[in-house]
Structure formats: C-alpha cells, structure tokens
Protein backbone atom coordinates (compact mmCIF):
# COMPACT_ATOMS: atom_id res chain seq x y z
CA MET A 1 86.47 98.89 77.62
CA ILE A 2 85.25 99.25 81.19
CA LEU A 3 88.30 101.05 82.58
CA THR A 4 88.87 103.75 79.98
CA GLY A 5 90.60 106.73 81.56
CA LYS A 6 91.74 104.89 84.68
CA LYS A 7 95.42 104.90 85.68
CA ALA A 8 97.00 101.77 87.09
CA VAL A 9 100.33 100.67 88.50
CA VAL A 10 101.37 97.02 88.80
CA THR A 11 104.54 96.18 90.71
CA GLY A 12 106.49 93.15 89.58
CA GLY A 13 104.75 93.63 86.25
CA GLY A 14 107.45 92.35 83.94
CA THR A 15 106.51 88.66 84.12
CA GLY A 16 103.96 86.18 85.40
CA ILE A 17 100.91 87.32 87.32
CA GLY A 18 101.90 90.98 87.23
CA LEU A 19 102.26 91.05 83.45
CA ALA A 20 98.97 89.18 82.97
CA ILE A 21 97.18 91.76 85.14
CA ALA A 22 98.84 94.66 83.33
CA LYS A 23 97.71 93.28 79.97
CA VAL A 24 94.10 92.72 80.99
CA LEU A 25 93.83 96.20 82.52
CA ALA A 26 95.29 97.75 79.37
CA MET A 27 92.85 95.80 77.21
CA GLN A 28 90.02 97.39 79.17
CA GLY A 29 91.24 100.94 78.52
CA CYS A 30 93.59 101.55 81.46
CA ARG A 31 96.81 103.45 81.21
CA VAL A 32 99.18 101.01 82.91
CA ALA A 33 102.62 101.40 84.44
CA ILE A 34 104.63 98.37 85.48
CA THR A 35 107.58 98.36 87.85
CA GLY A 36 110.40 95.99 88.62
CA ARG A 37 114.14 95.72 89.16
CA ARG A 38 115.14 94.36 85.74
CA GLU A 39 114.93 97.15 83.20
CA GLU A 40 115.38 94.95 80.14
CA VAL A 41 112.53 92.67 81.24
CA LEU A 42 110.25 95.65 81.85
CA ASN A 43 111.02 97.18 78.45
CA GLU A 44 110.16 93.95 76.67
CA ALA A 45 106.96 93.52 78.67
CA CYS A 46 105.76 97.04 77.90
CA LYS A 47 105.92 96.32 74.18
CA SER A 48 103.18 93.72 74.65
CA PHE A 49 100.54 96.11 75.95
CA GLY A 50 101.74 99.66 75.29
CA GLY A 51 102.26 100.82 78.85
CA ILE A 52 105.12 102.56 80.59
CA CYS A 53 107.77 100.94 82.76
CA VAL A 54 109.64 102.26 85.77
CA LYS A 55 112.66 100.60 87.35
CA MET A 56 111.79 100.37 91.05
CA ASP A 57 112.83 98.25 94.03
CA VAL A 58 109.84 97.78 96.35
CA ALA A 59 112.17 97.00 99.27
CA ASP A 60 113.77 100.46 99.00
CA GLU A 61 111.63 103.31 100.34
CA VAL A 62 113.41 106.01 98.34
CA SER A 63 113.03 103.99 95.15
CA VAL A 64 109.30 103.49 95.73
CA VAL A 65 108.64 107.13 96.59
CA LYS A 66 110.47 108.32 93.47
CA GLY A 67 109.00 105.65 91.23
CA MET A 68 105.39 106.23 92.27
CA GLN A 69 105.83 110.00 92.02
CA HIS A 70 107.12 109.56 88.46
CA ILE A 71 104.11 107.43 87.53
CA ALA A 72 101.67 109.89 89.11
CA ASP A 73 103.33 112.75 87.23
CA GLN A 74 103.07 110.86 83.94
CA PHE A 75 99.45 109.84 84.44
CA GLY A 76 98.11 112.72 86.52
CA GLY A 77 97.36 110.44 89.46
CA ILE A 78 96.80 106.77 90.29
CA ASP A 79 93.42 104.99 90.40
CA ILE A 80 94.41 101.33 90.63
CA CYS A 81 97.30 99.84 92.55
CA VAL A 82 98.25 96.18 92.24
CA ALA A 83 100.94 95.32 94.80
CA ASN A 84 102.19 92.17 93.15
CA ALA A 85 105.99 92.18 93.54
CA GLY A 86 107.23 89.38 95.73
CA ILE A 87 109.53 86.40 96.16
CA ALA A 88 108.82 82.83 97.24
CA GLU A 89 111.64 81.02 98.99
CA GLY A 90 111.62 78.40 101.70
CA GLN A 91 114.01 77.30 104.43
CA ASN A 92 113.95 75.05 107.45
CA ILE A 93 113.82 77.46 110.38
CA ARG A 94 116.57 75.58 112.22
CA ASN A 95 118.92 76.26 109.32
CA SER A 96 117.58 79.74 108.65
CA ASN A 97 119.00 83.12 109.59
CA PHE A 98 117.68 86.60 110.24
CA GLU A 99 119.05 87.92 106.95
CA PHE A 100 116.80 85.46 105.06
CA TRP A 101 113.78 86.44 107.17
CA ARG A 102 114.37 90.15 106.59
CA LYS A 103 114.81 89.67 102.83
CA ILE A 104 111.41 87.97 102.56
CA MET A 105 109.72 90.59 104.73
CA ALA A 106 111.39 93.53 102.99
CA ILE A 107 110.10 92.51 99.58
CA ASN A 108 106.78 90.80 100.32
CA LEU A 109 105.44 92.83 103.25
CA ASP A 110 107.40 96.08 103.42
CA GLY A 111 107.19 96.31 99.64
CA ALA A 112 103.40 95.98 99.65
CA TYR A 113 103.14 98.57 102.43
CA LEU A 114 105.31 101.11 100.61
CA THR A 115 103.57 100.56 97.28
CA ILE A 116 100.10 100.96 98.75
CA ARG A 117 101.07 103.94 100.89
CA GLU A 118 102.50 105.85 97.96
CA SER A 119 99.55 104.93 95.71
CA LEU A 120 97.09 106.32 98.24
CA ARG A 121 99.03 109.57 98.37
CA HIS A 122 98.38 109.99 94.64
CA MET A 123 94.78 108.73 94.61
CA GLN A 124 91.59 110.80 94.59
CA MET A 125 90.12 109.13 97.66
CA LYS A 126 86.69 110.78 97.37
CA GLU A 127 86.21 109.69 93.77
CA TRP A 128 87.19 106.06 93.03
CA GLY A 129 90.05 103.70 93.66
CA ARG A 130 91.10 100.08 93.83
CA ILE A 131 93.92 98.57 95.90
CA ILE A 132 94.74 94.92 95.20
CA ALA A 133 97.51 92.98 96.93
CA ILE A 134 98.67 89.65 95.59
CA SER A 135 99.02 87.48 98.66
CA SER A 136 99.01 83.68 98.45
CA ILE A 137 97.18 80.64 99.70
CA ALA A 138 100.09 80.65 102.17
CA GLY A 139 98.53 83.83 103.56
CA VAL A 140 95.47 81.94 104.82
CA ARG A 141 97.18 78.75 105.96
CA GLY A 142 100.70 77.84 106.90
CA LEU A 143 102.80 76.51 104.05
CA LYS A 144 105.15 73.69 104.95
CA GLY A 145 108.81 74.65 104.65
CA ALA A 146 108.05 78.35 104.13
CA HIS A 147 107.69 80.00 107.54
CA ALA A 148 108.92 83.43 106.44
CA TYR A 149 106.95 83.44 103.19
CA SER A 150 103.75 82.37 104.97
CA ALA A 151 104.22 85.03 107.66
CA SER A 152 104.78 87.75 105.06
CA LYS A 153 101.66 86.80 103.12
CA HIS A 154 99.55 86.61 106.29
CA GLY A 155 100.81 90.12 107.06
CA VAL A 156 99.69 91.41 103.66
CA ILE A 157 96.14 90.18 104.28
CA GLY A 158 96.08 91.73 107.76
CA MET A 159 97.19 95.07 106.33
CA ILE A 160 94.53 94.94 103.59
CA ARG A 161 91.77 94.21 106.09
CA SER A 162 92.88 97.03 108.34
CA LEU A 163 93.06 99.52 105.47
CA SER A 164 89.62 98.43 104.31
CA ALA A 165 88.25 99.22 107.76
CA ASP A 166 90.03 102.57 107.80
CA HIS A 167 88.53 103.61 104.45
CA ALA A 168 85.11 101.94 104.59
CA LYS A 169 83.27 105.22 103.88
CA PHE A 170 85.37 105.99 100.79
CA PRO A 171 84.73 104.69 97.25
CA VAL A 172 88.07 102.88 97.42
CA THR A 173 88.27 99.12 97.99
CA PHE A 174 91.11 97.07 99.45
CA ASN A 175 91.34 93.37 98.62
CA ALA A 176 93.86 90.55 98.45
CA ILE A 177 94.08 87.72 95.95
CA CYS A 178 95.42 84.44 97.33
CA PRO A 179 96.46 82.08 94.53
CA GLY A 180 97.54 78.51 94.97
CA TYR A 181 100.40 77.27 92.81
CA VAL A 182 100.49 79.35 89.60
CA ASP A 183 102.37 78.42 86.46
CA THR A 184 105.06 81.13 86.56
CA ASP A 185 108.85 81.34 86.68
CA ILE A 186 108.64 80.91 90.46
CA ILE A 187 107.42 77.35 89.94
CA ALA A 188 110.46 76.57 87.82
CA LYS A 189 112.82 77.98 90.48
CA ASN A 190 111.06 76.18 93.32
CA THR A 191 111.04 72.92 91.36
CA ALA A 192 114.84 72.96 91.25
CA SER A 193 115.05 73.89 94.94
CA ILE A 194 112.63 71.17 96.07
CA SER A 195 114.35 68.61 93.87
CA GLU A 196 117.68 69.36 95.53
CA ARG A 197 116.39 69.55 99.11
CA ALA A 198 114.09 66.52 98.92
CA GLN A 199 116.44 64.53 96.68
CA VAL A 200 113.71 63.75 94.15
CA THR A 201 113.55 64.13 90.37
CA HIS A 202 112.53 67.36 88.63
CA ASP A 203 109.18 65.82 87.62
CA GLU A 204 108.52 64.53 91.14
CA ALA A 205 109.28 67.95 92.63
CA ARG A 206 106.93 69.69 90.18
CA ALA A 207 104.21 67.12 90.90
CA MET A 208 104.44 67.94 94.61
CA MET A 209 103.32 71.50 93.88
CA VAL A 210 100.76 70.60 91.23
CA ASN A 211 99.10 68.09 93.56
CA LEU A 212 98.69 70.72 96.27
CA ASN A 213 96.08 72.40 94.03
CA PRO A 214 92.89 70.36 94.59
CA HIS A 215 91.99 70.30 90.89
CA GLY A 216 95.36 68.76 90.07
CA ARG A 217 96.80 71.38 87.76
CA LEU A 218 98.69 74.64 87.97
CA ILE A 219 96.62 77.82 87.99
CA THR A 220 97.21 80.18 85.07
CA SER A 221 98.24 83.81 85.41
CA GLN A 222 95.21 84.71 83.31
CA GLU A 223 92.88 83.23 85.93
CA VAL A 224 94.40 85.50 88.57
CA ALA A 225 94.25 88.48 86.19
CA SER A 226 90.54 87.86 85.57
CA ALA A 227 89.89 88.09 89.31
CA ALA A 228 91.84 91.34 89.53
CA LEU A 229 89.86 92.77 86.61
CA TRP A 230 86.57 91.94 88.31
CA MET A 231 87.76 93.69 91.48
CA CYS A 232 88.19 96.82 89.33
CA SER A 233 84.77 96.53 87.66
CA SER A 234 81.74 98.67 88.38
CA GLY A 235 79.94 95.84 90.17
CA SER A 236 82.63 95.22 92.79
CA GLY A 237 82.18 98.28 95.01
CA SER A 238 80.89 96.28 97.97
CA PHE A 239 83.60 93.63 97.70
CA ASP A 240 86.02 95.07 100.21
CA GLY A 241 88.47 93.80 102.81
CA GLN A 242 88.44 90.30 101.36
CA ALA A 243 91.06 87.63 100.72
CA LEU A 244 89.94 85.85 97.57
CA GLU A 245 91.33 82.32 97.28
CA ILE A 246 92.08 81.02 93.77
CA SER A 247 93.20 77.53 94.61
CA GLY A 248 91.29 75.06 92.46
CA GLY A 249 89.02 73.90 95.27
CA GLN A 250 88.71 73.82 99.01
CA LEU A 251 91.88 73.49 101.03
C-alpha cells in the first residue's frame, strides 16, 4: 500500500474516471474524498471504497472553497488533488451561443482552477504533493465539432504547465492526463447526440468515437486510473509539467 497516510480529493468522483481513480488510491492506503453535484450518486460511490463524499459544484467558487475546507478539516490537509470534474458537449460554432461557451469553461477550466487553487492552500508544499488534472486528447489537438470543449482542455494543460514551472523547486508535481475516448456515461450521452445530429444509427454513432482511438476500442477508466496512480508513486517525482496521452496509439 504505497500511499498509506496520504489524503486525496477527486472531483467528479461519483462515476467513471473519477470513481476509478478514487478506488485505486484507496486500495493503496489513501484516505479519499470525492466530490460532485449529485449527493445520491456520491453516497453510493463511497460505499465501494470507504471514502467520504462532499457535495460540491466546481463552477461555484463559494462551493469549492467550503467543500475543500471541509475535506481539509476532516483529513488534516490534502496531499493529492485530482481535478477530474468536467463535461463534454459539442456544438457547431455558427449555431452556438455565449451561454454554452461559458458553461463549458465554468466547469472544465474554471472548475479545475478553483479545485487546484484550494488544494494548494491546504497542501504542505515543502513536504510532498501531487496535482493531476484530467484533460483530454482534445487538449492536445482540436476535436471536430467541439470548439469550446477543446479550448477548455487546452487551457487546463496550459495551467498545469505554468504551475509546474512556478513550483519546480518544490516536491509537488503538476501533470495532466489526456485520454482518448473512454468507456463512461459521457460516451452514452454523446452517442445519442451524434446520432441525432449526424442522422445515423446508435451503433454507427458509437463506432465513430471508437474508431477515433487508433487501437479500435474504447479506453477503460481503470487504464486512466493506473496512470494517475503511477503519477502518485515514489518513482514519479521527476515527471512534472507533462500532458500524458492515453489514446491507444499515435494520433
């Protein structure tokens, strides 16, 4: 149990990638708190790994400040922060509006900023720490039909790289994970959306996303969680300021 005694917070931890990361950290001895907006989902998720859950909206500064303070009070600090909460929605920019743009930015970029800022305020910077942001393959290349989502995920990587440079002399690392298409609830939602917009069948819409991963299958949440666990391991101290692509091959 390589992380015994460490304290971690995972936003958007009730399902998908966030829950997979919470479980693997807990299995390695971490005390883990998960956050999200749906209290019933959080409560059910916590039963699976024995952590604590805090209802928190990453797009609301007051909610994040209070939520992170509560976690720090419960744990006596924060050592690991996984800024995972996010949404993936696409629109044609000609039919888009500023409200849609701001919603994506508020959750994906502002939410990561607030989560990381508050984590650092509760972290022993001279001892040890890990900051991990879940970006996307859309953060390293433009994703067709998702201008706002791609911009938000590019922004997350830029923030991580800047924070890494700011804290290079501290034993705290800042990294981003950039998955391709992962088998989560988001895929199911996007399948329905693509099917409607492109006027194709459900199976054809799903195949469009699967085929964008070079190895021809969806990535599992556990694969992303394994990468996050390695970033928290004792041998990862020099892995800093990076955007790790988990995409099933070269893109």
